[in-house]
C-alpha atoms as a PDB file:
ATOM      1  CA  MET A   1      -9.740   5.589 -25.224  1.00  0.00           C
ATOM      2  CA  GLU A   2     -11.192   7.565 -28.091  1.00  0.00           C
ATOM      3  CA  LEU A   3      -9.729   8.284 -31.529  1.00  0.00           C
ATOM      4  CA  ASN A   4      -8.424  11.784 -30.690  1.00  0.00           C
ATOM      5  CA  ASP A   5      -6.710  10.592 -27.497  1.00  0.00           C
ATOM      6  CA  ALA A   6      -5.169   7.641 -29.328  1.00  0.00           C
ATOM      7  CA  THR A   7      -3.948   9.928 -32.112  1.00  0.00           C
ATOM      8  CA  THR A   8      -2.316  12.261 -29.587  1.00  0.00           C
ATOM      9  CA  ALA A   9      -0.653   9.357 -27.757  1.00  0.00           C
ATOM     10  CA  LEU A  10       0.608   7.742 -30.955  1.00  0.00           C
ATOM     11  CA  ALA A  11       1.944  11.069 -32.225  1.00  0.00           C
ATOM     12  CA  ALA A  12       3.861  11.520 -28.970  1.00  0.00           C
ATOM     13  CA  LEU A  13       5.291   8.005 -29.214  1.00  0.00           C
ATOM     14  CA  GLY A  14       6.105   8.499 -32.899  1.00  0.00           C
ATOM     15  CA  GLN A  15       9.265  10.412 -32.020  1.00  0.00           C
ATOM     16  CA  PRO A  16      12.341   8.254 -31.215  1.00  0.00           C
ATOM     17  CA  THR A  17      13.465  10.135 -28.105  1.00  0.00           C
ATOM     18  CA  ARG A  18       9.986  10.201 -26.588  1.00  0.00           C
ATOM     19  CA  LEU A  19       9.501   6.525 -27.334  1.00  0.00           C
ATOM     20  CA  SER A  20      12.818   5.785 -25.606  1.00  0.00           C
ATOM     21  CA  VAL A  21      11.809   7.847 -22.564  1.00  0.00           C
ATOM     22  CA  PHE A  22       8.424   6.140 -22.381  1.00  0.00           C
ATOM     23  CA  ARG A  23       9.932   2.661 -22.682  1.00  0.00           C
ATOM     24  CA  LEU A  24      12.449   3.510 -19.946  1.00  0.00           C
ATOM     25  CA  LEU A  25       9.606   4.607 -17.661  1.00  0.00           C
ATOM     26  CA  VAL A  26       7.601   1.473 -18.453  1.00  0.00           C
ATOM     27  CA  GLU A  27      10.669  -0.589 -17.557  1.00  0.00           C
ATOM     28  CA  ALA A  28      11.055   1.345 -14.285  1.00  0.00           C
ATOM     29  CA  GLY A  29       7.533   0.349 -13.244  1.00  0.00           C
ATOM     30  CA  PRO A  30       5.680   2.122 -10.458  1.00  0.00           C
ATOM     31  CA  GLU A  31       8.926   3.376  -8.899  1.00  0.00           C
ATOM     32  CA  GLY A  32       9.449   5.708 -11.844  1.00  0.00           C
ATOM     33  CA  ARG A  33      12.601   7.725 -12.469  1.00  0.00           C
ATOM     34  CA  THR A  34      13.822  11.239 -11.879  1.00  0.00           C
ATOM     35  CA  PRO A  35      14.791  13.497 -14.777  1.00  0.00           C
ATOM     36  CA  GLY A  36      18.454  13.135 -13.789  1.00  0.00           C
ATOM     37  CA  ASP A  37      18.199   9.347 -13.983  1.00  0.00           C
ATOM     38  CA  ILE A  38      16.423   9.513 -17.326  1.00  0.00           C
ATOM     39  CA  SER A  39      18.926  12.012 -18.679  1.00  0.00           C
ATOM     40  CA  ASP A  40      21.869   9.840 -17.618  1.00  0.00           C
ATOM     41  CA  ALA A  41      20.336   6.631 -18.953  1.00  0.00           C
ATOM     42  CA  LEU A  42      19.556   8.109 -22.375  1.00  0.00           C
ATOM     43  CA  SER A  43      22.400  10.658 -22.599  1.00  0.00           C
ATOM     44  CA  LEU A  44      19.995  13.547 -23.083  1.00  0.00           C
ATOM     45  CA  PRO A  45      20.601  17.191 -22.211  1.00  0.00           C
ATOM     46  CA  GLY A  46      18.226  18.499 -19.551  1.00  0.00           C
ATOM     47  CA  ALA A  47      16.425  20.982 -21.812  1.00  0.00           C
ATOM     48  CA  THR A  48      15.813  18.322 -24.452  1.00  0.00           C
ATOM     49  CA  LEU A  49      14.507  15.869 -21.866  1.00  0.00           C
ATOM     50  CA  SER A  50      12.248  18.508 -20.334  1.00  0.00           C
ATOM     51  CA  PHE A  51      10.629  19.164 -23.717  1.00  0.00           C
ATOM     52  CA  HIS A  52       9.978  15.464 -24.324  1.00  0.00           C
ATOM     53  CA  LEU A  53       8.641  14.863 -20.800  1.00  0.00           C
ATOM     54  CA  LYS A  54       6.220  17.754 -21.321  1.00  0.00           C
ATOM     55  CA  GLU A  55       4.988  16.239 -24.589  1.00  0.00           C
ATOM     56  CA  LEU A  56       4.491  12.783 -23.062  1.00  0.00           C
ATOM     57  CA  ALA A  57       2.656  14.284 -20.092  1.00  0.00           C
ATOM     58  CA  ALA A  58       0.426  16.357 -22.395  1.00  0.00           C
ATOM     59  CA  ALA A  59      -0.444  13.154 -24.273  1.00  0.00           C
ATOM     60  CA  GLY A  60      -1.440  11.563 -20.957  1.00  0.00           C
ATOM     61  CA  LEU A  61       1.197   8.833 -21.168  1.00  0.00           C
ATOM     62  CA  ILE A  62       3.255   9.811 -18.122  1.00  0.00           C
ATOM     63  CA  ARG A  63       2.712  11.573 -14.827  1.00  0.00           C
ATOM     64  CA  GLY A  64       5.106  13.614 -12.730  1.00  0.00           C
ATOM     65  CA  GLU A  65       4.983  13.675  -8.947  1.00  0.00           C
ATOM     66  CA  PRO A  66       7.087  15.842  -6.634  1.00  0.00           C
ATOM     67  CA  ARG A  67       9.759  13.907  -4.756  1.00  0.00           C
ATOM     68  CA  GLY A  68      11.663  16.253  -2.502  1.00  0.00           C
ATOM     69  CA  ARG A  69      13.258  18.891  -4.718  1.00  0.00           C
ATOM     70  CA  SER A  70      12.848  16.800  -7.827  1.00  0.00           C
ATOM     71  CA  ILE A  71      10.005  15.212  -9.775  1.00  0.00           C
ATOM     72  CA  CYS A  72       9.508  11.501 -10.225  1.00  0.00           C
ATOM     73  CA  TYR A  73       8.061  10.524 -13.598  1.00  0.00           C
ATOM     74  CA  ARG A  74       6.085   7.340 -14.083  1.00  0.00           C
ATOM     75  CA  ALA A  75       4.416   5.743 -17.077  1.00  0.00           C
ATOM     76  CA  ASP A  76       0.641   5.931 -16.833  1.00  0.00           C
ATOM     77  CA  PHE A  77      -0.113   2.232 -17.169  1.00  0.00           C
ATOM     78  CA  ASP A  78      -3.869   2.813 -17.395  1.00  0.00           C
ATOM     79  CA  ALA A  79      -3.303   5.086 -20.400  1.00  0.00           C
ATOM     80  CA  MET A  80      -0.937   2.531 -21.947  1.00  0.00           C
ATOM     81  CA  ARG A  81      -3.503  -0.255 -21.501  1.00  0.00           C
ATOM     82  CA  GLY A  82      -6.185   2.026 -22.921  1.00  0.00           C
ATOM     83  CA  LEU A  83      -4.089   2.662 -26.017  1.00  0.00           C
ATOM     84  CA  LEU A  84      -3.371  -1.041 -26.479  1.00  0.00           C
ATOM     85  CA  GLU A  85      -7.059  -1.839 -26.044  1.00  0.00           C
ATOM     86  CA  PHE A  86      -7.962   0.859 -28.589  1.00  0.00           C
ATOM     87  CA  LEU A  87      -5.495  -0.585 -31.102  1.00  0.00           C
ATOM     88  CA  THR A  88      -6.746  -4.148 -30.682  1.00  0.00           C
ATOM     89  CA  ARG A  89     -10.453  -3.464 -30.043  1.00  0.00           C
ATOM     90  CA  ASN A  90     -11.686  -5.137 -33.218  1.00  0.00           C
ATOM     91  CA  CYS A  91      -8.733  -7.403 -33.787  1.00  0.00           C
ATOM     92  CA  CYS A  92      -9.520 -10.309 -36.108  1.00  0.00           C
ATOM     93  CA  GLY A  93     -13.085  -9.122 -36.657  1.00  0.00           C
ATOM     94  CA  GLY A  94     -13.801  -9.090 -32.935  1.00  0.00           C
ATOM     95  CA  ASP A  95     -12.688 -12.705 -32.388  1.00  0.00           C
ATOM     96  CA  ARG A  96      -9.893 -12.098 -29.891  1.00  0.00           C
ATOM     97  CA  GLY A  97      -9.160 -15.826 -29.828  1.00  0.00           C
ATOM     98  CA  GLN A  98      -7.711 -15.404 -33.300  1.00  0.00           C
ATOM     99  CA  CYS A  99      -5.359 -12.603 -32.192  1.00  0.00           C
ATOM    100  CA  ASP A 100      -2.635 -14.673 -30.595  1.00  0.00           C
ATOM    101  CA  PRO A 101       0.687 -13.109 -31.648  1.00  0.00           C
ATOM    102  CA  GLY A 102       2.227 -16.583 -31.497  1.00  0.00           C
ATOM    103  CA  ASP A 103       0.152 -17.516 -34.546  1.00  0.00           C
ATOM    104  CA  CYS A 104       2.073 -15.031 -36.704  1.00  0.00           C
ATOM    105  CA  THR A 105       5.220 -17.127 -37.026  1.00  0.00           C
END
């Protein structure tokens, strides 16, 4: 992942509703969720959810796939891993052995 892509992804996740939607889709795994399920789980009106799904998709963090008359949304785990790798690329001066989160206690 490059700087511009990471900036776009982080900007999309920097909004509380979009972060909640993304986390819900990550939790759902490869099965994903329909907009109705997402709306019910997060108590979001359809128009609001639609706007946030569009923003997450434009950032490359989620993908929608037709499922009958609805769309199933899934987190793009490759994009998520790419963002995490971008954020930790030079962690601890490039010595990843020093980057154990357990050491921060």
